[in-house]
Protein backbone atom coordinates (compact mmCIF):
# COMPACT_ATOMS: atom_id res chain seq x y z
CA MET A 1 145.67 114.54 182.26
CA GLY A 2 142.79 116.59 182.41
CA ASP A 3 140.81 118.48 179.94
CA PRO A 4 142.81 120.56 177.33
CA VAL A 5 140.98 123.69 177.34
CA GLU A 6 141.22 123.58 181.63
CA ASP A 7 144.89 122.70 180.82
CA ALA A 8 145.60 125.86 179.05
CA TYR A 9 143.51 128.17 181.07
CA GLU A 10 145.41 126.92 184.41
CA LYS A 11 148.59 127.55 182.42
CA SER A 12 147.78 131.20 181.70
CA LYS A 13 146.56 132.02 185.14
CA ARG A 14 150.05 130.40 185.96
CA GLU A 15 151.83 132.61 183.27
CA LYS A 16 149.92 135.97 184.23
CA SER A 17 152.08 138.89 184.87
CA THR A 18 152.34 140.51 187.84
CA TYR A 19 152.72 144.11 188.18
CA VAL A 20 154.81 146.36 190.25
CA GLU A 21 152.60 149.56 191.41
CA VAL A 22 155.48 152.43 191.51
CA GLU A 23 153.87 156.38 192.05
CA ASN A 24 150.58 155.20 190.17
CA ASP A 25 152.44 153.66 187.61
CA ILE A 26 152.01 150.39 186.86
CA ILE A 27 155.49 148.41 185.46
CA ASP A 28 155.23 144.71 184.29
CA ALA A 29 157.11 142.24 186.21
CA ARG A 30 158.69 141.08 183.62
CA LEU A 31 159.87 144.26 182.15
CA ILE A 32 161.35 144.22 185.88
CA SER A 33 163.17 140.98 185.61
CA GLU A 34 164.68 141.82 182.17
CA LEU A 35 166.20 144.60 183.07
CA LYS A 36 167.61 143.11 186.11
CA VAL A 37 169.06 140.14 183.72
CA LEU A 38 170.51 143.23 181.30
CA LYS A 39 172.50 144.78 184.70
CA ASP A 40 173.86 141.48 185.53
CA GLU A 41 175.42 141.38 182.11
CA VAL A 42 176.72 144.95 182.38
CA ASN A 43 178.02 144.11 185.96
CA THR A 44 179.68 141.08 184.55
CA VAL A 45 181.09 143.37 181.67
CA TYR A 46 182.90 145.81 184.05
CA SER A 47 183.30 143.00 186.84
CA LYS A 48 185.85 141.65 183.95
CA LEU A 49 187.11 144.71 182.91
CA ILE A 50 188.67 146.14 186.27
CA ALA A 51 190.39 142.46 186.14
CA ASN A 52 191.96 143.27 182.86
CA PRO A 53 191.46 146.35 181.69
CA TYR A 54 193.06 145.01 178.15
CA MET A 55 190.10 143.09 177.52
CA ALA A 56 188.05 146.61 176.76
CA PRO A 57 188.35 145.79 172.79
CA ASP A 58 185.77 143.15 173.53
CA LEU A 59 184.31 144.10 176.68
CA VAL A 60 183.49 147.71 175.37
CA GLU A 61 181.11 146.02 172.10
CA ASP A 62 179.51 143.79 175.02
CA ALA A 63 178.94 146.71 177.43
CA ARG A 64 177.31 148.56 173.95
CA SER A 65 175.10 145.73 172.33
CA THR A 66 173.81 145.21 176.11
CA LEU A 67 172.92 149.20 176.11
CA VAL A 68 171.19 148.98 172.80
CA ARG A 69 169.30 145.93 173.80
CA THR A 70 167.99 147.63 177.05
CA ALA A 71 166.68 150.48 174.93
CA ALA A 72 164.91 147.84 173.06
CA VAL A 73 163.58 145.96 175.91
CA LEU A 74 162.23 149.50 177.01
CA MET A 75 160.79 150.49 174.05
CA GLU A 76 158.88 147.25 174.18
CA TYR A 77 157.10 147.56 177.24
CA GLY A 78 156.50 151.40 176.12
CA ILE A 79 158.52 153.31 178.04
CA PRO A 80 159.84 156.54 176.66
CA LEU A 81 163.89 156.97 176.16
CA GLN A 82 163.68 160.84 175.73
CA HIS A 83 162.05 163.23 178.01
CA GLU A 84 158.79 164.20 176.22
CA GLY A 85 159.07 168.06 174.69
CA ARG A 86 163.10 167.45 174.70
CA LYS A 87 164.71 168.00 171.48
CA LYS A 88 167.94 167.28 170.89
CA THR A 89 170.76 170.02 170.66
CA PRO A 90 174.13 170.73 168.19
CA ASP A 91 175.61 169.63 171.31
CA ASP A 92 173.70 165.74 172.09
CA ILE A 93 174.01 164.96 168.43
CA ILE A 94 178.06 165.82 168.09
CA ARG A 95 178.74 164.13 171.32
CA GLU A 96 176.61 161.00 170.17
CA SER A 97 178.55 161.32 166.83
CA LEU A 98 181.79 161.90 169.00
CA ALA A 99 181.60 158.39 170.78
CA GLN A 100 180.94 156.34 167.55
CA LEU A 101 184.00 157.73 166.24
CA ALA A 102 186.25 156.82 169.08
CA GLY A 103 184.61 153.17 168.39
CA LEU A 104 185.72 153.04 165.15
CA LEU A 105 188.93 155.16 165.64
CA GLY A 106 190.24 154.27 168.75
CA ALA A 107 191.51 156.85 171.25
CA LYS A 108 193.53 159.13 169.44
CA GLY A 109 190.87 159.55 166.61
CA ALA A 110 188.36 160.69 169.71
CA GLY A 111 190.95 163.43 170.51
CA ALA A 112 191.05 164.53 167.14
CA ALA A 113 187.44 164.68 166.77
CA LEU A 114 187.18 166.45 170.65
CA ARG A 115 189.84 169.09 169.25
CA ALA A 116 187.59 169.41 166.40
CA LYS A 117 184.75 169.94 168.22
CA ARG A 118 186.32 172.79 170.13
CA SER A 119 187.54 174.49 167.81
CA PHE A 120 183.92 174.45 165.97
CA GLN A 121 183.21 175.82 169.34
CA ASP A 122 185.39 178.34 169.64
CA ALA A 123 185.05 179.58 166.03
CA TRP A 124 181.04 180.04 166.94
CA GLU A 125 181.47 182.03 169.89
CA ASP A 126 184.24 184.13 168.44
CA LEU A 127 181.01 184.49 165.63
CA THR A 128 178.48 185.91 167.90
CA ALA A 129 180.98 187.61 170.30
CA SER A 130 181.87 189.86 166.90
CA GLU A 131 180.03 193.20 166.77
CA ASN A 132 178.99 192.12 162.91
CA PHE A 133 176.56 189.51 164.65
CA VAL A 134 172.99 190.89 164.31
CA ILE A 135 169.89 188.54 165.21
CA TYR A 136 166.89 189.24 162.85
CA GLU A 137 163.27 188.59 163.50
CA ASP A 138 161.52 187.67 159.92
CA GLU A 139 158.37 189.24 159.25
CA ASP A 140 155.32 188.66 156.96
CA ALA A 141 153.99 190.35 154.15
CA ASP A 142 152.36 192.97 156.12
CA GLY A 143 155.44 193.47 158.46
CA ASN A 144 154.29 191.98 161.53
CA PRO A 145 157.21 189.26 163.73
CA THR A 146 156.26 185.84 162.84
CA GLY A 147 158.65 184.53 165.97
CA GLU A 148 161.62 183.21 163.97
CA TYR A 149 164.64 184.25 163.81
CA TYR A 150 167.76 184.11 161.73
CA PHE A 151 171.17 185.72 161.20
CA ILE A 152 173.69 186.77 158.70
CA ASP A 153 177.16 185.06 158.22
CA PRO A 154 179.49 188.56 157.86
CA GLU A 155 181.80 186.42 155.86
CA THR A 156 179.48 184.45 153.49
CA LYS A 157 176.17 186.53 153.73
CA GLU A 158 174.52 183.13 153.65
CA GLU A 159 170.81 183.25 156.32
CA PHE A 160 170.96 180.79 158.88
CA SER A 161 167.70 180.01 161.20
CA CYS A 162 168.29 180.46 164.99
CA ASP A 163 166.57 181.39 168.34
CA ARG A 164 166.27 184.40 169.64
CA PHE A 165 169.99 183.71 171.27
CA GLY A 166 171.16 183.11 168.10
CA ASN A 167 171.86 179.51 168.46
CA PRO A 168 171.37 177.25 165.26
CA LEU A 169 168.18 175.45 164.78
CA GLU A 170 168.16 171.92 163.89
CA ASP A 171 167.51 170.93 160.55
């Protein structure tokens, strides 16, 4: 046994992170190691699912848990989970909600939710295709365009913010 300070220094040198360089980015080897462990967990889940699809109620939850842990690991290492500047569209939010709903209600509930989504999309397309659908551009007090758009629902006379093509904006 040597000097405790020397021992601690030597130990820290051994534990020092190794890095992998990818297109001028340095990726911590511990991140790669953790991702490989999570990948193995997902592969195991799929192997069990292929062997016995009736294990799905348990295995889907395991896969969901692994995906959440994967996101947490990526965030821990400062890896963005969404492209810079990309905003979620209403369709993205609906898809995520449907996936969660399917987990709660099962296949029949998810099917009903998908039919409701299609019905909403059809109603939206009917509204935007009608002759009464007009997109207006906001103006400031001097009558100059502000670059913000809206439309008025012909049935309710309610104003809705939209882009210049009539797609509703997220709140």
